Protein backbone atom coordinates (compact mmCIF):
# COMPACT_ATOMS: atom_id res chain seq x y z
CA MET A 1 -11.64 -17.65 -28.95
CA THR A 2 -9.78 -17.07 -32.18
CA ARG A 3 -7.97 -19.89 -33.97
CA ASP A 4 -4.64 -18.25 -33.11
CA ASP A 5 -5.61 -18.03 -29.44
CA PHE A 6 -6.68 -21.68 -29.48
CA THR A 7 -3.40 -22.72 -31.11
CA LYS A 8 -1.51 -20.86 -28.36
CA LEU A 9 -3.64 -22.59 -25.73
CA MET A 10 -2.88 -25.96 -27.30
CA GLN A 11 0.86 -25.24 -27.32
CA SER A 12 0.93 -24.06 -23.71
CA THR A 13 -1.13 -27.11 -22.72
CA PHE A 14 1.27 -29.46 -24.45
CA ASP A 15 4.19 -27.73 -22.73
CA ARG A 16 2.41 -28.17 -19.37
CA LEU A 17 1.76 -31.85 -20.08
CA LEU A 18 5.47 -32.37 -20.71
CA GLU A 19 6.24 -30.70 -17.36
CA ILE A 20 3.70 -32.83 -15.51
CA ASN A 21 5.07 -35.98 -17.10
CA GLN A 22 8.59 -35.09 -16.01
CA THR A 23 7.55 -34.61 -12.38
CA LYS A 24 4.56 -36.80 -11.55
CA GLY A 25 5.46 -39.37 -14.19
CA ARG A 26 8.88 -40.02 -12.70
CA GLU A 27 7.41 -40.22 -9.20
CA TYR A 28 4.76 -42.77 -10.22
CA ALA A 29 7.28 -44.86 -12.16
CA ARG A 30 9.45 -45.05 -9.01
CA GLY A 31 12.62 -44.45 -10.97
CA ASP A 32 11.79 -47.10 -13.56
CA ASP A 33 12.64 -45.96 -17.08
CA ASP A 34 9.30 -47.37 -18.29
CA ALA A 35 6.80 -44.48 -18.36
CA LEU A 36 4.01 -47.02 -17.92
CA ALA A 37 5.54 -48.93 -15.00
CA ASN A 38 2.91 -47.74 -12.52
CA PHE A 39 0.06 -49.27 -14.51
CA LYS A 40 1.95 -52.50 -15.14
CA ARG A 41 3.05 -52.89 -11.51
CA HIS A 42 -0.48 -52.48 -10.14
CA ALA A 43 -1.99 -54.60 -12.90
CA GLU A 44 0.31 -57.49 -12.05
CA ALA A 45 -0.37 -57.16 -8.32
CA LEU A 46 -4.15 -57.19 -8.89
CA GLY A 47 -4.37 -59.67 -11.74
CA LEU A 48 -5.64 -57.01 -14.15
CA ARG A 49 -4.57 -55.60 -17.47
CA PRO A 50 -2.66 -52.29 -17.36
CA GLU A 51 -5.49 -50.66 -19.31
CA GLN A 52 -7.93 -51.60 -16.54
CA VAL A 53 -5.75 -49.92 -13.94
CA TRP A 54 -5.52 -46.91 -16.27
CA ALA A 55 -9.34 -46.78 -16.45
CA VAL A 56 -9.64 -46.51 -12.67
CA TYR A 57 -7.05 -43.73 -12.44
CA ALA A 58 -8.44 -41.81 -15.42
CA GLY A 59 -11.97 -42.25 -14.10
CA LYS A 60 -11.08 -40.25 -11.02
CA HIS A 61 -10.10 -37.28 -13.16
CA TRP A 62 -13.17 -37.69 -15.36
CA ASP A 63 -15.41 -37.66 -12.28
CA ALA A 64 -13.84 -34.42 -11.07
CA ILE A 65 -14.32 -32.81 -14.48
CA MET A 66 -17.95 -33.94 -14.65
CA SER A 67 -18.53 -32.49 -11.20
CA TYR A 68 -17.15 -29.18 -12.45
CA VAL A 69 -19.38 -29.32 -15.53
CA LYS A 70 -22.42 -29.98 -13.37
CA GLU A 71 -21.67 -27.59 -10.50
CA GLY A 72 -19.63 -24.90 -12.28
CA ARG A 73 -16.85 -25.16 -9.71
CA THR A 74 -14.30 -27.60 -8.36
CA GLN A 75 -14.79 -29.39 -5.07
CA SER A 76 -11.13 -29.30 -4.09
CA GLU A 77 -8.10 -27.04 -4.15
CA GLU A 78 -7.06 -28.30 -7.59
CA THR A 79 -8.07 -26.08 -10.49
CA ILE A 80 -10.18 -27.30 -13.39
CA ASP A 81 -7.19 -26.61 -15.65
CA GLY A 82 -5.16 -29.05 -13.56
CA ARG A 83 -7.86 -31.71 -13.79
CA ILE A 84 -8.09 -31.27 -17.56
CA HIS A 85 -4.32 -31.46 -17.92
CA ASP A 86 -4.29 -34.67 -15.90
CA LEU A 87 -6.98 -36.25 -18.06
CA LEU A 88 -5.21 -35.20 -21.26
CA LEU A 89 -2.02 -36.79 -19.98
CA TYR A 90 -3.94 -39.93 -19.06
CA ALA A 91 -5.28 -40.11 -22.63
CA LEU A 92 -1.68 -40.04 -23.85
CA LEU A 93 -0.71 -42.69 -21.31
CA LEU A 94 -3.45 -44.93 -22.68
CA LEU A 95 -2.07 -44.33 -26.15
CA GLY A 96 1.27 -45.46 -24.79
CA LEU A 97 -0.26 -48.62 -23.32
CA VAL A 98 -1.95 -49.40 -26.64
CA HIS A 99 1.30 -48.95 -28.57
CA ASP A 100 3.34 -50.82 -25.95
CA GLU A 101 1.59 -54.14 -26.63
């Protein structure tokens, strides 16, 4: 892959992450303006830190990616691109949690 091709891939990925955040992110926040409300709500209910809730959710995506790496295919209908996009977005959500403190 050329550097130009990789830059285009990065840009299209970032655009996709913004789309995902606008759809799934709003659904998970339940209309709350706080993009991290889902983690905070579950953390409070379970007596955990929001980052611990994040780790469980992100771990699910990591497991799916590791399964793909090991098996060379996904085990569900979701594409590997979708799983990677989800994990990238989760990394940004963790960054948000870190900066929110």
